[in-house]
Amino acid sequence: MSTKKIGGTVFMAAATSTATKFESNTEDQEKSEESITNYLIVRPEKGGMLDLLRYLAWADIGSGVRFLESSEEGIMGEEAADHRWIILVSIIARKIIFLFGKPLEYTGFVVDFFLNLLFQNGGIMGLFLNFLQGKVVIPQRDTETFISSIGHLDGRIDLYRAENLLEQIDHSVSAEKTITEEIGNRAHMDLCIMASKLAYENAEVVRNIVHHWKMHFVDFYNCWNDLQKEFSTQVFILCDKPKDANLILISFRGTEPFDSYDWDTDFDYSWYEIPKLGKVHMGFLEALGLGNRDDTTTFQYHLQMKSTNFNYDYEGSGSLLSNTDSDMEQNELDRSSDSDRATAVGHKKFPPEMVKKTAYYTVRKKLKSLLVEHKNAKFIVTGHSLGGALAILFPSVLVLHQQMDVMKRLLGVYTFGQPRIGNRQLAKFMEAHLEHPVPKYFRVVYSYDLVPRLPYDDKTFLYKHFGVCLYYNSLYIEQKVDEEPDPNLYGLRNVISAHLNAIWELIRSFIIGYTHGREYKESWFMVLVRIMGLALPGIAAHCPTDYVNSVRLGKERVVHMSSF
């Protein structure tokens, strides 16, 4: 009897020891995954022109590696060899952007001022008469009358069938089936493209236009980018009504025409690998405030670590809190020491007060409070260009951070002219959350728009689109495809086709106001951009004007999501 007891005790001890070892190994494996920090950074400033020439003309991998920085030496060599042309395009384009960065900024300042000077004085003749009378109106930036260059390209502010839209939002509360099916309809698409276009304006203009739409303006945010050390990411939030809202819309600002940082981000090839999620564009992560390439450990602590005080402080639980619970969480955050929070985000201090002002954390916090306040509301995320990349990356990080109660309230994501944000692994990860039971992610692409073809990919790697692609050609005919035609615009045939298409778009700009109505008549500034597009067709095709036209002049039917 005692022997059996002793034997049983020995057996239990062995089993306990085995279980402890298994748990320890599991924890070690999880910690090992969390410690993975694979990344690649393309730094055009590190190599010289001779290095670039050797890499371009003689495929000298050693010269190419000089432009790269990575977590492992092997990654640099493989990338420099396997994706030479993609990296070359990134380096050359970003060197050119850097060279013309300041002149581009000054040009933008002058163009914006001149356009607003003409606009606020009633055109050239009005400006001349006001000058003679000493009544010239001088534009003031950040006021309700100062319109961005994007706004001057396309001056339309009214929604497509606005009354119909508000009625559909009201009706959509009655049944879950209805609200999911209606996300694909033209009225919702128009709201998203108009909100994406509106995001380029200053806060006062945004407020006025939202009120013009008879909707509720929540707030406009200038958010911190720690790499650029400035508030360079903009986003605004609206609701369909101030009380008992049914719809919350988040709109990220896209690539500004005269902002070299934005164009540099679009052409950047740098990536950061998140275990289980995939490789993600590093510049877009930085724009959301989720790291800084000058200290790559910041990405790890924002995106991978699950056991740090930082994660608890800034992420909160995945559930939606009451307002009281949210205040208590924020008070606890405020009580934690600055040194603890700074330590939690890496060796290089990422000021905690700046973390709270980054786009991801700012929008996430406000969204959760709005979802608690409006029990029946669902939310849409949208954006044009760079804003489109942030719009799809935002819910991706919500899923990564297990904010599943928030994701249950996602109605959809609409992006317009969005660049690629990650690799195929990221696509598969997000498709599981955005494709079932019905598709929730729609990526709208117009004709030869260059930006959706960036960053360049190839057959073996890297950046891949996902989601439902609604492709419109220059006749505004819609096709539902996995990826837009000519995904990289390489080859003589594509170049010739793009330039011929640019000629047609210029001709169309003079006649569309007669063929489709006065609201489609293009401004002289847009015609000027069309003329410039004869040399750079992919840039002219990126303007929001064609995206608004695609939505409004495309095939007149409701796109039921259940049919995909």
Protein backbone atom coordinates (compact mmCIF):
# COMPACT_ATOMS: atom_id res chain seq x y z
CA MET A 1 0.00 0.00 0.00
CA SER A 2 2.70 2.49 0.98
CA THR A 3 4.71 1.51 -2.04
CA LYS A 4 1.77 2.25 -4.31
CA LYS A 5 1.26 5.49 -2.53
CA ILE A 6 4.87 6.35 -2.89
CA GLY A 7 4.81 5.20 -6.50
CA GLY A 8 1.70 7.27 -7.11
CA THR A 9 3.37 10.25 -5.49
CA VAL A 10 6.44 9.81 -7.65
CA PHE A 11 4.25 9.52 -10.75
CA MET A 12 2.32 12.67 -9.86
CA ALA A 13 5.50 14.54 -9.22
CA ALA A 14 6.86 13.46 -12.59
CA ALA A 15 3.62 14.49 -14.30
CA THR A 16 3.68 17.83 -12.51
CA SER A 17 7.28 18.33 -13.53
CA THR A 18 6.43 17.48 -17.16
CA ALA A 19 3.46 19.86 -17.16
CA THR A 20 5.62 22.60 -15.65
CA LYS A 21 8.24 22.07 -18.32
CA PHE A 22 5.57 22.14 -21.04
CA GLU A 23 4.11 25.38 -19.69
CA SER A 24 7.60 26.81 -19.40
CA ASN A 25 8.41 25.81 -22.98
CA THR A 26 5.13 27.35 -24.19
CA GLU A 27 5.88 30.58 -22.35
CA ASP A 28 9.43 30.57 -23.71
CA GLN A 29 8.07 30.02 -27.23
CA GLU A 30 5.62 32.92 -26.84
CA LYS A 31 8.37 35.14 -25.47
CA SER A 32 10.62 34.02 -28.32
CA GLU A 33 7.92 35.01 -30.83
CA GLU A 34 7.49 38.35 -29.09
CA SER A 35 11.23 38.97 -29.27
CA ILE A 36 11.33 38.47 -33.05
CA THR A 37 12.13 41.79 -34.65
CA ASN A 38 12.67 41.06 -38.33
CA TYR A 39 12.66 44.24 -40.36
CA LEU A 40 14.16 45.88 -43.40
CA ILE A 41 14.76 49.62 -43.74
CA VAL A 42 15.68 51.24 -47.04
CA ARG A 43 17.82 54.32 -46.35
CA PRO A 44 18.57 56.21 -49.59
CA GLU A 45 20.84 58.62 -47.73
CA LYS A 46 23.32 55.92 -46.65
CA GLY A 47 24.72 55.06 -50.08
CA GLY A 48 26.33 57.32 -52.63
CA MET A 49 25.73 57.83 -56.34
CA LEU A 50 28.55 55.39 -57.23
CA ASP A 51 26.91 52.72 -55.07
CA LEU A 52 23.61 53.38 -56.84
CA LEU A 53 25.28 53.15 -60.28
CA ARG A 54 27.01 49.86 -59.44
CA TYR A 55 23.80 48.42 -58.05
CA LEU A 56 21.83 49.60 -61.09
CA ALA A 57 24.23 48.81 -63.92
CA TRP A 58 26.22 45.82 -62.63
CA ALA A 59 23.82 44.38 -60.03
CA ASP A 60 26.53 44.74 -57.38
CA ILE A 61 24.76 43.36 -54.29
CA GLY A 62 27.40 44.78 -51.95
CA SER A 63 26.60 48.27 -53.21
CA GLY A 64 22.88 47.65 -52.79
CA VAL A 65 23.32 46.47 -49.22
CA ARG A 66 24.82 49.86 -48.33
CA PHE A 67 21.34 51.37 -48.72
CA LEU A 68 19.76 48.81 -46.39
CA GLU A 69 19.47 48.24 -42.67
CA SER A 70 18.04 45.07 -41.19
CA SER A 71 17.68 42.91 -38.11
CA GLU A 72 19.87 40.27 -39.81
CA GLU A 73 22.73 40.50 -42.28
CA GLY A 74 21.25 37.68 -44.34
CA ILE A 75 18.01 39.55 -44.92
CA MET A 76 19.84 42.48 -46.51
CA GLY A 77 21.72 40.28 -48.96
CA GLU A 78 18.61 38.30 -49.94
CA GLU A 79 16.50 41.43 -50.38
CA ALA A 80 19.18 43.24 -52.37
CA ALA A 81 19.46 40.27 -54.72
CA ASP A 82 15.84 39.10 -54.99
CA HIS A 83 14.12 42.49 -55.15
CA ARG A 84 16.77 44.60 -56.80
CA TRP A 85 14.51 46.54 -59.17
CA ILE A 86 11.91 47.26 -56.50
CA ILE A 87 14.56 48.57 -54.12
CA LEU A 88 16.15 50.61 -56.92
CA VAL A 89 12.82 52.28 -57.71
CA SER A 90 12.36 53.07 -54.02
CA ILE A 91 15.88 54.52 -53.66
CA ILE A 92 15.81 56.62 -56.84
CA ALA A 93 12.29 57.95 -56.29
CA ARG A 94 13.00 58.88 -52.67
CA LYS A 95 16.31 60.55 -53.57
CA ILE A 96 14.46 62.69 -56.11
CA ILE A 97 11.72 63.48 -53.59
CA PHE A 98 14.34 64.46 -51.00
CA LEU A 99 16.13 66.66 -53.53
CA PHE A 100 12.96 68.56 -54.40
CA GLY A 101 11.39 68.35 -50.93
CA LYS A 102 11.85 71.98 -49.90
CA PRO A 103 11.06 73.49 -53.31
CA LEU A 104 7.93 71.31 -53.36
CA GLU A 105 6.90 72.62 -49.94
CA TYR A 106 7.42 76.26 -50.95
CA THR A 107 5.58 75.66 -54.24
CA GLY A 108 2.64 74.24 -52.31
CA PHE A 109 2.57 77.25 -50.02
CA VAL A 110 2.48 79.63 -53.01
CA VAL A 111 -0.08 77.58 -54.96
CA ASP A 112 -2.45 77.29 -51.98
CA PHE A 113 -2.20 81.03 -51.30
CA PHE A 114 -2.73 81.98 -54.95
CA LEU A 115 -5.72 79.64 -55.39
CA ASN A 116 -7.38 81.01 -52.26
CA LEU A 117 -6.55 84.60 -53.25
CA LEU A 118 -8.43 84.09 -56.52
CA PHE A 119 -11.26 82.16 -54.89
CA GLN A 120 -11.92 84.64 -52.08
CA ASN A 121 -11.82 87.62 -54.45
CA GLY A 122 -14.13 86.17 -57.08
CA GLY A 123 -11.60 85.17 -59.72
CA ILE A 124 -9.08 87.19 -61.73
CA MET A 125 -11.50 89.99 -62.63
CA GLY A 126 -12.79 90.21 -59.06
CA LEU A 127 -9.24 90.37 -57.75
CA PHE A 128 -8.43 93.16 -60.22
CA LEU A 129 -11.51 95.19 -59.21
CA ASN A 130 -10.84 94.65 -55.51
CA PHE A 131 -7.26 95.79 -56.06
CA LEU A 132 -8.45 99.00 -57.72
CA GLN A 133 -10.83 99.63 -54.81
CA GLY A 134 -8.30 98.67 -52.14
CA LYS A 135 -10.52 95.80 -50.94
CA VAL A 136 -8.38 92.78 -51.72
CA VAL A 137 -9.22 89.87 -49.40
CA ILE A 138 -6.05 88.26 -48.03
CA PRO A 139 -6.47 84.49 -47.37
CA GLN A 140 -5.90 83.32 -43.80
CA ARG A 141 -4.76 79.76 -43.29
CA ASP A 142 -6.69 77.40 -40.99
CA THR A 143 -9.89 79.40 -41.38
CA GLU A 144 -13.26 78.24 -42.68
CA THR A 145 -12.66 79.99 -46.03
CA PHE A 146 -9.17 78.63 -46.74
CA ILE A 147 -9.51 75.64 -49.08
CA SER A 148 -6.75 73.11 -49.82
CA SER A 149 -5.39 72.51 -53.32
CA ILE A 150 -7.34 69.22 -53.36
CA GLY A 151 -10.51 71.19 -52.64
CA HIS A 152 -9.74 73.50 -55.57
CA LEU A 153 -9.22 70.52 -57.87
CA ASP A 154 -12.75 69.38 -57.08
CA GLY A 155 -15.06 71.91 -55.47
CA ARG A 156 -18.05 69.59 -55.00
CA ILE A 157 -19.28 69.36 -51.41
CA ASP A 158 -22.82 67.96 -51.66
CA LEU A 159 -23.44 64.27 -51.09
CA TYR A 160 -24.93 62.07 -53.78
CA ARG A 161 -28.66 61.75 -52.99
CA ALA A 162 -28.04 62.99 -49.44
CA GLU A 163 -31.63 62.58 -48.25
CA ASN A 164 -31.69 59.01 -49.52
CA LEU A 165 -28.46 58.31 -47.63
CA LEU A 166 -29.83 59.52 -44.29
CA GLU A 167 -33.00 57.49 -44.79
CA GLN A 168 -30.96 54.35 -45.51
CA ILE A 169 -28.88 54.85 -42.38
CA ASP A 170 -32.06 55.20 -40.29
CA HIS A 171 -33.64 52.11 -41.84
CA SER A 172 -30.45 50.08 -41.47
CA VAL A 173 -30.82 49.96 -37.68
CA SER A 174 -33.92 47.80 -37.95
CA ALA A 175 -32.08 44.64 -38.97
CA GLU A 176 -28.50 43.40 -39.00
CA LYS A 177 -29.07 41.92 -42.45
CA THR A 178 -30.03 45.28 -43.91
CA ILE A 179 -27.08 47.21 -42.47
CA THR A 180 -24.54 44.71 -43.78
CA GLU A 181 -26.05 44.58 -47.25
CA GLU A 182 -26.27 48.35 -47.64
CA ILE A 183 -22.57 49.02 -47.05
CA GLY A 184 -21.88 48.33 -50.73
CA ASN A 185 -24.42 50.78 -52.12
CA ARG A 186 -23.55 53.91 -54.02
CA ALA A 187 -24.79 56.34 -51.36
CA HIS A 188 -22.44 54.89 -48.74
CA MET A 189 -19.59 54.87 -51.25
CA ASP A 190 -20.23 58.52 -52.03
CA LEU A 191 -20.21 59.46 -48.35
CA CYS A 192 -16.84 57.72 -47.99
CA ILE A 193 -15.16 59.34 -51.01
CA MET A 194 -16.51 62.77 -50.06
CA ALA A 195 -15.30 62.31 -46.47
CA SER A 196 -11.92 61.12 -47.79
CA LYS A 197 -11.68 64.25 -49.95
CA LEU A 198 -12.83 66.44 -47.07
CA ALA A 199 -10.03 65.10 -44.84
CA TYR A 200 -7.55 67.25 -46.81
CA GLU A 201 -9.15 70.41 -45.42
CA ASN A 202 -8.47 72.17 -42.11
CA ALA A 203 -10.65 71.56 -39.05
CA GLU A 204 -12.91 74.59 -39.58
CA VAL A 205 -13.72 73.66 -43.17
CA VAL A 206 -14.38 70.05 -42.14
CA ARG A 207 -16.74 71.20 -39.38
CA ASN A 208 -18.74 73.43 -41.74
CA ILE A 209 -19.09 70.78 -44.46
CA VAL A 210 -20.18 68.09 -42.00
CA HIS A 211 -22.84 70.45 -40.69
CA HIS A 212 -23.82 71.16 -44.31
CA TRP A 213 -24.39 67.42 -44.65
CA LYS A 214 -26.72 67.66 -41.61
CA MET A 215 -24.48 65.29 -39.70
CA HIS A 216 -22.70 65.57 -36.36
CA PHE A 217 -19.04 66.65 -36.35
CA VAL A 218 -17.22 64.81 -33.55
CA ASP A 219 -13.64 66.11 -33.79
CA PHE A 220 -10.61 66.73 -35.98
CA TYR A 221 -7.23 65.41 -34.82
CA ASN A 222 -3.66 66.41 -35.67
CA CYS A 223 -1.68 63.36 -34.59
CA TRP A 224 1.96 62.82 -33.73
CA ASN A 225 4.46 61.04 -36.00
CA ASP A 226 7.53 60.31 -33.88
CA LEU A 227 9.83 59.75 -36.86
CA GLN A 228 9.01 63.15 -38.36
CA LYS A 229 8.76 64.74 -34.90
CA GLU A 230 5.64 66.66 -35.86
CA PHE A 231 1.85 66.38 -35.95
CA SER A 232 1.64 65.15 -39.53
CA THR A 233 -1.22 62.61 -39.47
CA GLN A 234 -4.74 64.05 -39.71
CA VAL A 235 -8.06 62.31 -39.15
CA PHE A 236 -11.62 63.38 -38.37
CA ILE A 237 -14.68 61.60 -37.02
CA LEU A 238 -18.37 62.23 -37.65
CA CYS A 239 -21.68 60.62 -36.68
CA ASP A 240 -24.91 60.66 -38.66
CA LYS A 241 -26.60 62.42 -35.69
CA PRO A 242 -25.56 63.67 -32.23
CA LYS A 243 -27.81 61.29 -30.23
CA ASP A 244 -28.61 57.62 -30.82
CA ALA A 245 -26.33 57.61 -33.85
CA ASN A 246 -26.44 54.68 -36.24
CA LEU A 247 -23.23 55.44 -38.12
CA ILE A 248 -19.76 56.56 -37.04
CA LEU A 249 -17.31 57.46 -39.82
CA ILE A 250 -13.53 57.79 -39.43
CA SER A 251 -11.68 59.50 -42.29
CA PHE A 252 -7.87 59.66 -42.55
CA ARG A 253 -6.13 62.33 -44.62
CA GLY A 254 -4.17 61.06 -47.60
CA THR A 255 -1.06 62.05 -49.52
CA GLU A 256 -0.92 65.85 -49.79
CA PRO A 257 0.28 66.96 -53.26
CA PHE A 258 3.11 69.15 -52.00
CA ASP A 259 4.17 67.11 -48.95
CA SER A 260 7.44 65.32 -49.67
CA TYR A 261 7.13 63.21 -46.49
CA ASP A 262 3.86 61.72 -47.76
CA TRP A 263 5.28 60.87 -51.18
CA ASP A 264 8.42 59.46 -49.56
CA THR A 265 6.21 57.17 -47.46
CA ASP A 266 4.30 55.99 -50.54
CA PHE A 267 7.53 55.01 -52.33
CA ASP A 268 9.18 53.50 -49.24
CA TYR A 269 9.88 49.75 -49.39
CA SER A 270 10.75 49.34 -45.69
CA TRP A 271 8.84 46.73 -43.70
CA TYR A 272 8.48 45.37 -40.19
CA GLU A 273 7.46 41.74 -39.57
CA ILE A 274 4.86 41.05 -36.89
CA PRO A 275 4.70 37.36 -35.89
CA LYS A 276 1.44 35.68 -36.99
CA LEU A 277 0.34 38.87 -38.76
CA GLY A 278 2.93 39.31 -41.50
CA LYS A 279 5.18 42.00 -42.94
CA VAL A 280 3.73 45.50 -42.76
CA HIS A 281 4.83 48.75 -44.42
CA MET A 282 6.96 50.55 -41.84
CA GLY A 283 6.08 54.09 -42.97
CA PHE A 284 2.36 53.48 -42.50
CA LEU A 285 2.94 52.06 -39.01
CA GLU A 286 4.88 55.23 -38.18
CA ALA A 287 2.08 57.42 -39.53
CA LEU A 288 -0.35 55.67 -37.16
CA GLY A 289 2.10 56.29 -34.30
CA LEU A 290 3.07 52.66 -33.75
CA GLY A 291 6.83 52.97 -33.82
CA ASN A 292 9.91 54.79 -35.06
CA ARG A 293 12.53 53.24 -37.35
CA ASP A 294 15.29 55.14 -35.53
CA ASP A 295 14.59 52.76 -32.63
CA THR A 296 12.95 49.60 -33.96
CA THR A 297 12.20 48.30 -30.44
CA THR A 298 9.33 50.80 -30.39
CA PHE A 299 7.53 48.69 -33.01
CA GLN A 300 8.00 45.61 -30.89
CA TYR A 301 6.47 47.19 -27.80
CA HIS A 302 3.56 48.73 -29.67
CA LEU A 303 2.73 45.66 -31.73
CA GLN A 304 4.10 42.52 -30.08
CA MET A 305 4.57 42.75 -26.33
CA LYS A 306 1.57 41.50 -24.34
CA SER A 307 3.02 41.66 -20.87
CA THR A 308 4.24 45.23 -20.57
CA ASN A 309 2.64 47.98 -18.51
CA PHE A 310 2.60 49.98 -21.71
CA ASN A 311 0.28 47.48 -23.39
CA TYR A 312 -2.15 47.56 -20.49
CA ASP A 313 -2.06 51.31 -20.18
CA TYR A 314 -2.60 52.17 -23.79
CA GLU A 315 -4.52 49.20 -25.18
CA GLY A 316 -7.01 48.52 -22.44
CA SER A 317 -9.12 45.38 -22.65
CA GLY A 318 -10.73 44.15 -25.84
CA SER A 319 -14.17 44.89 -24.43
CA LEU A 320 -16.09 48.14 -24.69
CA LEU A 321 -16.00 49.92 -21.35
CA SER A 322 -18.63 52.12 -19.82
CA ASN A 323 -17.75 55.79 -19.55
CA THR A 324 -16.99 55.32 -15.86
CA ASP A 325 -14.69 52.36 -16.49
CA SER A 326 -12.98 54.28 -19.27
CA ASP A 327 -12.33 57.23 -16.97
CA MET A 328 -10.93 54.87 -14.32
CA GLU A 329 -8.60 53.30 -16.89
CA GLN A 330 -7.43 56.75 -18.00
CA ASN A 331 -6.84 57.83 -14.37
CA GLU A 332 -4.72 54.74 -13.80
CA LEU A 333 -2.77 55.59 -16.92
CA ASP A 334 -2.20 59.13 -15.70
CA ARG A 335 -0.98 57.87 -12.30
CA SER A 336 1.69 55.66 -13.83
CA SER A 337 5.10 57.29 -13.94
CA ASP A 338 6.52 58.81 -17.09
CA SER A 339 9.71 56.80 -16.68
CA ASP A 340 7.81 53.49 -16.53
CA ARG A 341 5.84 54.31 -19.65
CA ALA A 342 8.88 55.60 -21.52
CA THR A 343 10.82 52.43 -20.62
CA ALA A 344 7.94 50.32 -21.91
CA VAL A 345 8.35 51.53 -25.45
CA GLY A 346 12.02 50.84 -25.91
CA HIS A 347 15.46 52.07 -25.11
CA LYS A 348 14.99 55.39 -26.84
CA LYS A 349 12.44 57.52 -25.03
CA PHE A 350 9.11 57.78 -26.81
CA PRO A 351 7.41 60.49 -24.69
CA PRO A 352 4.17 59.08 -23.21
CA GLU A 353 2.32 62.35 -23.72
CA MET A 354 3.15 62.00 -27.44
CA VAL A 355 2.02 58.36 -27.52
CA LYS A 356 -1.43 59.46 -26.36
CA LYS A 357 -1.51 61.94 -29.27
CA THR A 358 -0.70 59.41 -32.00
CA ALA A 359 -3.38 58.51 -34.53
CA TYR A 360 -4.02 54.90 -33.54
CA TYR A 361 -4.44 55.51 -29.81
CA THR A 362 -6.35 58.77 -30.25
CA VAL A 363 -8.87 57.29 -32.67
CA ARG A 364 -9.19 53.98 -30.79
CA LYS A 365 -9.98 55.72 -27.52
CA LYS A 366 -12.57 58.04 -29.08
CA LEU A 367 -14.14 55.25 -31.11
CA LYS A 368 -14.63 53.06 -28.05
CA SER A 369 -16.30 55.89 -26.15
CA LEU A 370 -18.60 56.62 -29.13
CA LEU A 371 -19.58 52.96 -29.43
CA VAL A 372 -20.50 52.94 -25.75
CA GLU A 373 -22.47 56.18 -26.12
CA HIS A 374 -24.31 55.06 -29.28
CA LYS A 375 -25.48 51.51 -28.58
CA ASN A 376 -26.82 50.86 -32.09
CA ALA A 377 -23.99 52.48 -34.03
CA LYS A 378 -21.56 50.75 -36.34
CA PHE A 379 -18.47 52.35 -37.80
CA ILE A 380 -16.87 52.82 -41.21
CA VAL A 381 -13.20 53.66 -41.81
CA THR A 382 -12.19 55.40 -45.03
CA GLY A 383 -9.42 57.34 -46.72
CA HIS A 384 -7.88 58.31 -50.06
CA SER A 385 -4.26 57.54 -51.00
CA LEU A 386 -2.08 57.34 -47.86
CA GLY A 387 -5.29 57.84 -45.88
CA GLY A 388 -6.62 54.63 -47.43
CA ALA A 389 -3.57 52.72 -46.20
CA LEU A 390 -4.13 54.02 -42.67
CA ALA A 391 -7.84 53.22 -42.95
CA ILE A 392 -7.23 49.49 -43.51
CA LEU A 393 -4.22 49.32 -41.19
CA PHE A 394 -6.25 50.73 -38.27
CA PRO A 395 -8.66 47.74 -38.02
CA SER A 396 -5.75 45.38 -38.70
CA VAL A 397 -4.05 46.61 -35.53
CA LEU A 398 -7.36 46.45 -33.64
CA VAL A 399 -7.51 42.74 -34.49
CA LEU A 400 -3.85 42.29 -33.51
CA HIS A 401 -4.59 43.91 -30.14
CA GLN A 402 -7.66 41.68 -29.72
CA GLN A 403 -10.13 44.56 -29.66
CA MET A 404 -12.82 42.13 -30.79
CA ASP A 405 -15.81 43.90 -29.23
CA VAL A 406 -14.85 46.94 -31.28
CA MET A 407 -14.39 44.88 -34.46
CA LYS A 408 -17.86 43.38 -34.06
CA ARG A 409 -19.23 46.87 -34.68
CA LEU A 410 -17.21 47.40 -37.89
CA LEU A 411 -19.59 48.05 -40.78
CA GLY A 412 -16.90 48.35 -43.43
CA VAL A 413 -13.66 49.82 -44.76
CA TYR A 414 -13.64 51.84 -48.00
CA THR A 415 -10.37 53.02 -49.50
CA PHE A 416 -9.70 55.02 -52.68
CA GLY A 417 -6.37 54.93 -54.53
CA GLN A 418 -4.79 53.11 -51.60
CA PRO A 419 -1.15 51.89 -51.74
CA ARG A 420 -0.24 48.35 -50.65
CA ILE A 421 0.35 47.92 -46.92
CA GLY A 422 1.80 44.43 -46.42
CA ASN A 423 2.49 40.94 -47.71
CA ARG A 424 0.30 37.92 -48.48
CA GLN A 425 0.43 36.66 -44.89
CA LEU A 426 -1.13 39.93 -43.70
CA ALA A 427 -3.79 39.58 -46.39
CA LYS A 428 -4.76 36.08 -45.25
CA PHE A 429 -4.81 37.19 -41.62
CA MET A 430 -7.18 40.07 -42.29
CA GLU A 431 -9.38 38.28 -44.82
CA ALA A 432 -10.47 35.96 -42.00
CA HIS A 433 -11.84 39.01 -40.16
CA LEU A 434 -13.08 41.12 -43.09
CA GLU A 435 -14.51 38.54 -45.50
CA HIS A 436 -16.92 36.61 -43.27
CA PRO A 437 -19.87 36.37 -43.11
CA VAL A 438 -19.86 39.09 -45.80
CA PRO A 439 -17.04 41.24 -47.26
CA LYS A 440 -16.39 44.42 -45.32
CA TYR A 441 -13.33 45.77 -47.12
CA PHE A 442 -13.73 47.51 -50.49
CA ARG A 443 -10.72 48.95 -52.32
CA VAL A 444 -11.64 51.37 -55.11
CA VAL A 445 -9.09 51.90 -57.89
CA TYR A 446 -9.39 54.27 -60.85
CA SER A 447 -7.76 53.45 -64.18
CA TYR A 448 -4.00 54.15 -64.34
CA ASP A 449 -3.71 55.66 -60.86
CA LEU A 450 -0.07 55.09 -59.87
CA VAL A 451 -0.45 54.97 -56.07
CA PRO A 452 -2.38 51.64 -55.82
CA ARG A 453 0.61 50.13 -57.67
CA LEU A 454 2.97 51.23 -54.87
CA PRO A 455 5.15 49.98 -53.29
CA TYR A 456 6.06 47.83 -56.27
CA ASP A 457 5.87 44.07 -55.88
CA ASP A 458 6.93 41.10 -57.97
CA LYS A 459 5.96 37.45 -58.41
CA THR A 460 7.85 36.22 -55.34
CA PHE A 461 7.17 38.97 -52.83
CA LEU A 462 6.28 41.41 -51.18
CA TYR A 463 3.49 43.95 -51.05
CA LYS A 464 0.14 42.44 -51.99
CA HIS A 465 -3.36 43.91 -52.06
CA PHE A 466 -6.34 42.13 -50.56
CA GLY A 467 -10.07 42.73 -50.19
CA VAL A 468 -12.66 43.33 -52.92
CA CYS A 469 -11.22 45.57 -55.64
CA LEU A 470 -13.74 47.79 -57.41
CA TYR A 471 -11.85 48.88 -60.52
CA TYR A 472 -13.11 51.71 -62.75
CA ASN A 473 -11.66 52.44 -66.18
CA SER A 474 -11.58 55.91 -67.76
CA LEU A 475 -15.15 55.41 -69.00
CA TYR A 476 -16.16 54.83 -65.36
CA ILE A 477 -17.16 51.22 -66.04
CA GLU A 478 -16.87 49.09 -62.92
CA GLN A 479 -15.23 45.69 -62.62
CA LYS A 480 -14.89 43.54 -59.50
CA VAL A 481 -11.43 42.00 -59.58
CA ASP A 482 -8.86 40.55 -57.18
CA GLU A 483 -6.30 43.13 -58.26
CA GLU A 484 -6.29 46.07 -60.65
CA PRO A 485 -4.95 45.43 -64.20
CA ASP A 486 -1.25 46.12 -64.78
CA PRO A 487 -0.38 46.00 -61.06
CA ASN A 488 3.12 47.46 -61.56
CA LEU A 489 2.71 49.51 -64.78
CA TYR A 490 5.94 48.03 -66.14
CA GLY A 491 6.65 47.63 -69.84
CA LEU A 492 6.39 49.72 -72.99
CA ARG A 493 2.80 48.65 -73.66
CA ASN A 494 1.63 49.91 -70.27
CA VAL A 495 3.51 53.19 -70.64
CA ILE A 496 1.97 53.86 -74.05
CA SER A 497 -1.52 52.90 -72.82
CA ALA A 498 -1.20 55.20 -69.80
CA HIS A 499 -0.20 58.19 -71.94
CA LEU A 500 -2.97 57.57 -74.49
CA ASN A 501 -5.41 57.35 -71.61
CA ALA A 502 -4.10 60.67 -70.25
CA ILE A 503 -4.84 62.30 -73.63
CA TRP A 504 -8.40 60.96 -73.50
CA GLU A 505 -8.84 62.24 -69.91
CA LEU A 506 -7.76 65.71 -71.01
CA ILE A 507 -10.29 65.70 -73.86
CA ARG A 508 -12.96 64.35 -71.49
CA SER A 509 -12.33 67.19 -69.03
CA PHE A 510 -13.63 69.70 -71.62
CA ILE A 511 -16.80 67.79 -72.48
CA ILE A 512 -17.90 65.98 -69.32
CA GLY A 513 -19.77 69.04 -68.03
CA TYR A 514 -21.94 68.94 -71.17
CA THR A 515 -22.40 65.19 -71.32
CA HIS A 516 -23.15 64.54 -67.63
CA GLY A 517 -24.24 67.87 -66.16
CA ARG A 518 -22.77 71.06 -64.72
CA GLU A 519 -21.70 69.44 -61.45
CA TYR A 520 -19.14 67.40 -63.41
CA LYS A 521 -17.56 70.39 -65.14
CA GLU A 522 -13.88 70.43 -64.22
CA SER A 523 -12.11 73.47 -62.81
CA TRP A 524 -9.32 75.21 -64.71
CA PHE A 525 -6.92 73.93 -62.04
CA MET A 526 -8.01 70.32 -62.67
CA VAL A 527 -7.57 70.84 -66.43
CA LEU A 528 -4.05 72.13 -65.73
CA VAL A 529 -3.30 68.96 -63.75
CA ARG A 530 -4.66 66.90 -66.67
CA ILE A 531 -2.16 68.68 -68.95
CA MET A 532 0.64 67.85 -66.52
CA GLY A 533 -0.73 64.30 -66.54
CA LEU A 534 0.36 63.95 -70.16
CA ALA A 535 3.88 63.62 -68.75
CA LEU A 536 2.94 61.88 -65.46
CA PRO A 537 -0.36 60.10 -66.19
CA GLY A 538 -0.36 58.01 -63.02
CA ILE A 539 -0.24 61.13 -60.84
CA ALA A 540 -3.10 62.97 -62.54
CA ALA A 541 -5.27 59.84 -62.35
CA HIS A 542 -4.77 59.80 -58.58
CA CYS A 543 -6.82 62.96 -57.99
CA PRO A 544 -10.07 62.49 -56.00
CA THR A 545 -12.07 63.98 -58.91
CA ASP A 546 -12.02 60.71 -60.84
CA TYR A 547 -12.93 58.74 -57.73
CA VAL A 548 -15.98 60.92 -57.10
CA ASN A 549 -16.96 60.53 -60.76
CA SER A 550 -16.41 56.76 -60.62
CA VAL A 551 -18.79 56.41 -57.69
CA ARG A 552 -21.45 58.71 -59.16
CA LEU A 553 -21.23 57.76 -62.84
CA GLY A 554 -20.47 54.09 -62.40
CA LYS A 555 -23.01 51.37 -62.99
CA GLU A 556 -26.29 52.40 -61.36
CA ARG A 557 -27.04 49.49 -59.09
CA VAL A 558 -26.67 48.49 -55.46
CA VAL A 559 -23.65 46.27 -54.85
CA HIS A 560 -24.96 43.65 -52.42
CA MET A 561 -22.07 42.32 -50.40
CA SER A 562 -23.64 38.87 -50.09
CA SER A 563 -23.27 38.42 -53.85
CA PHE A 564 -19.45 38.42 -53.86
